[in-house]
Amino acid sequence: MSSDNVLGHLVHLLKDQRESVKEDMVRGMMSFEMYHKQCGVVRGLDYAVQLIEDLAKQLERDDE
């Protein structure tokens, strides 16, 4: 499996997890403390996706 496929798959999994967390938050059936924690989870997932996408771009440039 190429690094592009691995990184793309990882980004897909992270985005799926982000959507799952967001859906739980939208339902509104959690305490403020839990909601606040989930906001941090979403930010962490977004940051992880950004790092992986930046790495993929760098690897693409290095291959050229």
PDB file of N, CA and C in Angstrom:
ATOM      1  N   MET A   1       0.856  -1.172   0.000  1.00  0.00           N
ATOM      2  CA  MET A   1       0.000   0.000   0.000  1.00  0.00           C
ATOM      3  C   MET A   1       0.900   1.233   0.000  1.00  0.00           C
ATOM      4  N   SER A   2       0.607   2.178  -0.869  1.00  0.00           N
ATOM      5  CA  SER A   2       1.435   3.385  -0.959  1.00  0.00           C
ATOM      6  C   SER A   2       1.142   4.317   0.207  1.00  0.00           C
ATOM      7  N   SER A   3       2.089   5.226   0.440  1.00  0.00           N
ATOM      8  CA  SER A   3       1.909   6.178   1.539  1.00  0.00           C
ATOM      9  C   SER A   3       0.694   7.072   1.297  1.00  0.00           C
ATOM     10  N   ASP A   4       0.398   7.392   0.029  1.00  0.00           N
ATOM     11  CA  ASP A   4      -0.786   8.202  -0.281  1.00  0.00           C
ATOM     12  C   ASP A   4      -2.062   7.505   0.185  1.00  0.00           C
ATOM     13  N   ASN A   5      -2.136   6.194  -0.102  1.00  0.00           N
ATOM     14  CA  ASN A   5      -3.327   5.440   0.297  1.00  0.00           C
ATOM     15  C   ASN A   5      -3.436   5.339   1.811  1.00  0.00           C
ATOM     16  N   VAL A   6      -2.319   5.117   2.481  1.00  0.00           N
ATOM     17  CA  VAL A   6      -2.325   5.001   3.938  1.00  0.00           C
ATOM     18  C   VAL A   6      -2.739   6.324   4.566  1.00  0.00           C
ATOM     19  N   LEU A   7      -2.132   7.410   4.122  1.00  0.00           N
ATOM     20  CA  LEU A   7      -2.451   8.724   4.687  1.00  0.00           C
ATOM     21  C   LEU A   7      -3.889   9.118   4.379  1.00  0.00           C
ATOM     22  N   GLY A   8      -4.327   8.842   3.171  1.00  0.00           N
ATOM     23  CA  GLY A   8      -5.705   9.143   2.801  1.00  0.00           C
ATOM     24  C   GLY A   8      -6.696   8.350   3.644  1.00  0.00           C
ATOM     25  N   HIS A   9      -6.389   7.099   3.877  1.00  0.00           N
ATOM     26  CA  HIS A   9      -7.262   6.255   4.704  1.00  0.00           C
ATOM     27  C   HIS A   9      -7.298   6.770   6.143  1.00  0.00           C
ATOM     28  N   LEU A  10      -6.151   7.160   6.656  1.00  0.00           N
ATOM     29  CA  LEU A  10      -6.083   7.694   8.015  1.00  0.00           C
ATOM     30  C   LEU A  10      -6.900   8.984   8.141  1.00  0.00           C
ATOM     31  N   VAL A  11      -6.768   9.868   7.165  1.00  0.00           N
ATOM     32  CA  VAL A  11      -7.554  11.109   7.172  1.00  0.00           C
ATOM     33  C   VAL A  11      -9.043  10.779   7.138  1.00  0.00           C
ATOM     34  N   HIS A  12      -9.417   9.823   6.319  1.00  0.00           N
ATOM     35  CA  HIS A  12     -10.825   9.417   6.231  1.00  0.00           C
ATOM     36  C   HIS A  12     -11.344   8.927   7.586  1.00  0.00           C
ATOM     37  N   LEU A  13     -10.566   8.091   8.267  1.00  0.00           N
ATOM     38  CA  LEU A  13     -10.970   7.581   9.576  1.00  0.00           C
ATOM     39  C   LEU A  13     -11.099   8.704  10.605  1.00  0.00           C
ATOM     40  N   LEU A  14     -10.157   9.645  10.585  1.00  0.00           N
ATOM     41  CA  LEU A  14     -10.201  10.759  11.524  1.00  0.00           C
ATOM     42  C   LEU A  14     -11.418  11.648  11.271  1.00  0.00           C
ATOM     43  N   LYS A  15     -11.711  11.891   9.999  1.00  0.00           N
ATOM     44  CA  LYS A  15     -12.880  12.713   9.661  1.00  0.00           C
ATOM     45  C   LYS A  15     -14.175  12.006  10.043  1.00  0.00           C
ATOM     46  N   ASP A  16     -14.225  10.689   9.875  1.00  0.00           N
ATOM     47  CA  ASP A  16     -15.407   9.934  10.301  1.00  0.00           C
ATOM     48  C   ASP A  16     -15.602  10.050  11.815  1.00  0.00           C
ATOM     49  N   GLN A  17     -14.509   9.942  12.562  1.00  0.00           N
ATOM     50  CA  GLN A  17     -14.593  10.065  14.010  1.00  0.00           C
ATOM     51  C   GLN A  17     -15.053  11.457  14.411  1.00  0.00           C
ATOM     52  N   ARG A  18     -14.542  12.473  13.718  1.00  0.00           N
ATOM     53  CA  ARG A  18     -14.941  13.862  13.986  1.00  0.00           C
ATOM     54  C   ARG A  18     -16.443  14.030  13.787  1.00  0.00           C
ATOM     55  N   GLU A  19     -16.961  13.489  12.699  1.00  0.00           N
ATOM     56  CA  GLU A  19     -18.394  13.601  12.431  1.00  0.00           C
ATOM     57  C   GLU A  19     -19.209  12.879  13.504  1.00  0.00           C
ATOM     58  N   SER A  20     -18.725  11.752  13.966  1.00  0.00           N
ATOM     59  CA  SER A  20     -19.415  11.011  15.010  1.00  0.00           C
ATOM     60  C   SER A  20     -19.478  11.832  16.300  1.00  0.00           C
ATOM     61  N   VAL A  21     -18.369  12.454  16.660  1.00  0.00           N
ATOM     62  CA  VAL A  21     -18.327  13.289  17.861  1.00  0.00           C
ATOM     63  C   VAL A  21     -19.260  14.479  17.696  1.00  0.00           C
ATOM     64  N   LYS A  22     -19.227  15.115  16.516  1.00  0.00           N
ATOM     65  CA  LYS A  22     -20.099  16.263  16.276  1.00  0.00           C
ATOM     66  C   LYS A  22     -21.574  15.875  16.373  1.00  0.00           C
ATOM     67  N   GLU A  23     -21.931  14.709  15.854  1.00  0.00           N
ATOM     68  CA  GLU A  23     -23.318  14.263  15.933  1.00  0.00           C
ATOM     69  C   GLU A  23     -23.743  14.086  17.386  1.00  0.00           C
ATOM     70  N   ASP A  24     -22.856  13.528  18.201  1.00  0.00           N
ATOM     71  CA  ASP A  24     -23.163  13.381  19.624  1.00  0.00           C
ATOM     72  C   ASP A  24     -23.361  14.744  20.278  1.00  0.00           C
ATOM     73  N   MET A  25     -22.547  15.717  19.892  1.00  0.00           N
ATOM     74  CA  MET A  25     -22.648  17.055  20.467  1.00  0.00           C
ATOM     75  C   MET A  25     -23.949  17.733  20.069  1.00  0.00           C
ATOM     76  N   VAL A  26     -24.353  17.550  18.819  1.00  0.00           N
ATOM     77  CA  VAL A  26     -25.573  18.188  18.314  1.00  0.00           C
ATOM     78  C   VAL A  26     -26.810  17.642  19.016  1.00  0.00           C
ATOM     79  N   ARG A  27     -26.771  16.376  19.371  1.00  0.00           N
ATOM     80  CA  ARG A  27     -27.912  15.785  20.073  1.00  0.00           C
ATOM     81  C   ARG A  27     -28.174  16.470  21.405  1.00  0.00           C
ATOM     82  N   GLY A  28     -27.125  17.073  21.977  1.00  0.00           N
ATOM     83  CA  GLY A  28     -27.288  17.867  23.187  1.00  0.00           C
ATOM     84  C   GLY A  28     -27.592  17.087  24.444  1.00  0.00           C
ATOM     85  N   MET A  29     -27.303  15.820  24.459  1.00  0.00           N
ATOM     86  CA  MET A  29     -27.624  15.009  25.620  1.00  0.00           C
ATOM     87  C   MET A  29     -26.374  14.756  26.469  1.00  0.00           C
ATOM     88  N   MET A  30     -25.651  15.839  26.772  1.00  0.00           N
ATOM     89  CA  MET A  30     -24.454  15.706  27.594  1.00  0.00           C
ATOM     90  C   MET A  30     -24.302  16.946  28.452  1.00  0.00           C
ATOM     91  N   SER A  31     -23.540  16.787  29.503  1.00  0.00           N
ATOM     92  CA  SER A  31     -23.297  17.912  30.402  1.00  0.00           C
ATOM     93  C   SER A  31     -22.406  18.936  29.705  1.00  0.00           C
ATOM     94  N   PHE A  32     -22.367  20.134  30.260  1.00  0.00           N
ATOM     95  CA  PHE A  32     -21.490  21.163  29.715  1.00  0.00           C
ATOM     96  C   PHE A  32     -20.036  20.709  29.775  1.00  0.00           C
ATOM     97  N   GLU A  33     -19.679  20.042  30.855  1.00  0.00           N
ATOM     98  CA  GLU A  33     -18.309  19.549  31.004  1.00  0.00           C
ATOM     99  C   GLU A  33     -17.957  18.570  29.879  1.00  0.00           C
ATOM    100  N   MET A  34     -18.858  17.649  29.588  1.00  0.00           N
ATOM    101  CA  MET A  34     -18.618  16.680  28.515  1.00  0.00           C
ATOM    102  C   MET A  34     -18.605  17.386  27.155  1.00  0.00           C
ATOM    103  N   TYR A  35     -19.493  18.349  26.956  1.00  0.00           N
ATOM    104  CA  TYR A  35     -19.523  19.110  25.712  1.00  0.00           C
ATOM    105  C   TYR A  35     -18.194  19.827  25.511  1.00  0.00           C
ATOM    106  N   HIS A  36     -17.690  20.436  26.557  1.00  0.00           N
ATOM    107  CA  HIS A  36     -16.411  21.143  26.501  1.00  0.00           C
ATOM    108  C   HIS A  36     -15.282  20.173  26.139  1.00  0.00           C
ATOM    109  N   LYS A  37     -15.294  19.002  26.725  1.00  0.00           N
ATOM    110  CA  LYS A  37     -14.285  17.985  26.413  1.00  0.00           C
ATOM    111  C   LYS A  37     -14.378  17.567  24.948  1.00  0.00           C
ATOM    112  N   GLN A  38     -15.591  17.366  24.464  1.00  0.00           N
ATOM    113  CA  GLN A  38     -15.773  16.947  23.073  1.00  0.00           C
ATOM    114  C   GLN A  38     -15.309  18.032  22.094  1.00  0.00           C
ATOM    115  N   CYS A  39     -15.459  19.301  22.470  1.00  0.00           N
ATOM    116  CA  CYS A  39     -14.926  20.385  21.636  1.00  0.00           C
ATOM    117  C   CYS A  39     -13.418  20.228  21.480  1.00  0.00           C
ATOM    118  N   GLY A  40     -12.748  19.862  22.559  1.00  0.00           N
ATOM    119  CA  GLY A  40     -11.312  19.625  22.503  1.00  0.00           C
ATOM    120  C   GLY A  40     -10.967  18.436  21.622  1.00  0.00           C
ATOM    121  N   VAL A  41     -11.794  17.411  21.671  1.00  0.00           N
ATOM    122  CA  VAL A  41     -11.578  16.235  20.817  1.00  0.00           C
ATOM    123  C   VAL A  41     -11.684  16.637  19.348  1.00  0.00           C
ATOM    124  N   VAL A  42     -12.698  17.421  19.012  1.00  0.00           N
ATOM    125  CA  VAL A  42     -12.874  17.874  17.626  1.00  0.00           C
ATOM    126  C   VAL A  42     -11.664  18.695  17.176  1.00  0.00           C
ATOM    127  N   ARG A  43     -11.200  19.605  18.026  1.00  0.00           N
ATOM    128  CA  ARG A  43     -10.021  20.406  17.679  1.00  0.00           C
ATOM    129  C   ARG A  43      -8.799  19.514  17.481  1.00  0.00           C
ATOM    130  N   GLY A  44      -8.638  18.512  18.323  1.00  0.00           N
ATOM    131  CA  GLY A  44      -7.513  17.589  18.189  1.00  0.00           C
ATOM    132  C   GLY A  44      -7.577  16.788  16.901  1.00  0.00           C
ATOM    133  N   LEU A  45      -8.764  16.322  16.549  1.00  0.00           N
ATOM    134  CA  LEU A  45      -8.928  15.580  15.302  1.00  0.00           C
ATOM    135  C   LEU A  45      -8.647  16.478  14.101  1.00  0.00           C
ATOM    136  N   ASP A  46      -9.125  17.713  14.146  1.00  0.00           N
ATOM    137  CA  ASP A  46      -8.849  18.657  13.055  1.00  0.00           C
ATOM    138  C   ASP A  46      -7.349  18.895  12.905  1.00  0.00           C
ATOM    139  N   TYR A  47      -6.667  19.035  14.032  1.00  0.00           N
ATOM    140  CA  TYR A  47      -5.228  19.259  14.008  1.00  0.00           C
ATOM    141  C   TYR A  47      -4.502  18.046  13.425  1.00  0.00           C
ATOM    142  N   ALA A  48      -4.916  16.854  13.815  1.00  0.00           N
ATOM    143  CA  ALA A  48      -4.300  15.634  13.293  1.00  0.00           C
ATOM    144  C   ALA A  48      -4.497  15.530  11.783  1.00  0.00           C
ATOM    145  N   VAL A  49      -5.699  15.836  11.316  1.00  0.00           N
ATOM    146  CA  VAL A  49      -5.976  15.799   9.877  1.00  0.00           C
ATOM    147  C   VAL A  49      -5.082  16.795   9.145  1.00  0.00           C
ATOM    148  N   GLN A  50      -4.954  17.992   9.690  1.00  0.00           N
ATOM    149  CA  GLN A  50      -4.119  19.013   9.054  1.00  0.00           C
ATOM    150  C   GLN A  50      -2.663  18.564   8.971  1.00  0.00           C
ATOM    151  N   LEU A  51      -2.151  17.979  10.035  1.00  0.00           N
ATOM    152  CA  LEU A  51      -0.766  17.489  10.031  1.00  0.00           C
ATOM    153  C   LEU A  51      -0.563  16.412   8.968  1.00  0.00           C
ATOM    154  N   ILE A  52      -1.506  15.496   8.863  1.00  0.00           N
ATOM    155  CA  ILE A  52      -1.389  14.412   7.882  1.00  0.00           C
ATOM    156  C   ILE A  52      -1.494  14.960   6.468  1.00  0.00           C
ATOM    157  N   GLU A  53      -2.410  15.885   6.231  1.00  0.00           N
ATOM    158  CA  GLU A  53      -2.536  16.474   4.902  1.00  0.00           C
ATOM    159  C   GLU A  53      -1.280  17.250   4.522  1.00  0.00           C
ATOM    160  N   ASP A  54      -0.696  17.965   5.474  1.00  0.00           N
ATOM    161  CA  ASP A  54       0.565  18.673   5.212  1.00  0.00           C
ATOM    162  C   ASP A  54       1.687  17.687   4.900  1.00  0.00           C
ATOM    163  N   LEU A  55       1.741  16.586   5.633  1.00  0.00           N
ATOM    164  CA  LEU A  55       2.751  15.559   5.376  1.00  0.00           C
ATOM    165  C   LEU A  55       2.579  14.962   3.994  1.00  0.00           C
ATOM    166  N   ALA A  56       1.346  14.691   3.598  1.00  0.00           N
ATOM    167  CA  ALA A  56       1.079  14.128   2.275  1.00  0.00           C
ATOM    168  C   ALA A  56       1.550  15.080   1.179  1.00  0.00           C
ATOM    169  N   LYS A  57       1.294  16.372   1.348  1.00  0.00           N
ATOM    170  CA  LYS A  57       1.748  17.356   0.361  1.00  0.00           C
ATOM    171  C   LYS A  57       3.265  17.397   0.292  1.00  0.00           C
ATOM    172  N   GLN A  58       3.910  17.332   1.456  1.00  0.00           N
ATOM    173  CA  GLN A  58       5.377  17.365   1.491  1.00  0.00           C
ATOM    174  C   GLN A  58       5.950  16.120   0.821  1.00  0.00           C
ATOM    175  N   LEU A  59       5.372  14.970   1.072  1.00  0.00           N
ATOM    176  CA  LEU A  59       5.843  13.743   0.444  1.00  0.00           C
ATOM    177  C   LEU A  59       5.654  13.795  -1.071  1.00  0.00           C
ATOM    178  N   GLU A  60       4.547  14.390  -1.506  1.00  0.00           N
ATOM    179  CA  GLU A  60       4.290  14.547  -2.936  1.00  0.00           C
ATOM    180  C   GLU A  60       5.338  15.447  -3.575  1.00  0.00           C
ATOM    181  N   ARG A  61       5.676  16.553  -2.917  1.00  0.00           N
ATOM    182  CA  ARG A  61       6.696  17.456  -3.437  1.00  0.00           C
ATOM    183  C   ARG A  61       8.070  16.775  -3.475  1.00  0.00           C
ATOM    184  N   ASP A  62       8.351  15.972  -2.456  1.00  0.00           N
ATOM    185  CA  ASP A  62       9.641  15.273  -2.400  1.00  0.00           C
ATOM    186  C   ASP A  62       9.771  14.243  -3.515  1.00  0.00           C
ATOM    187  N   ASP A  63       8.657  13.673  -3.947  1.00  0.00           N
ATOM    188  CA  ASP A  63       8.677  12.667  -5.021  1.00  0.00           C
ATOM    189  C   ASP A  63       8.890  13.298  -6.389  1.00  0.00           C
ATOM    190  N   GLU A  64       8.610  14.580  -6.510  1.00  0.00           N
ATOM    191  CA  GLU A  64       8.744  15.245  -7.828  1.00  0.00           C
ATOM    192  C   GLU A  64      10.156  15.534  -8.173  1.00  0.00           C
TER     193      GLU A  64
END
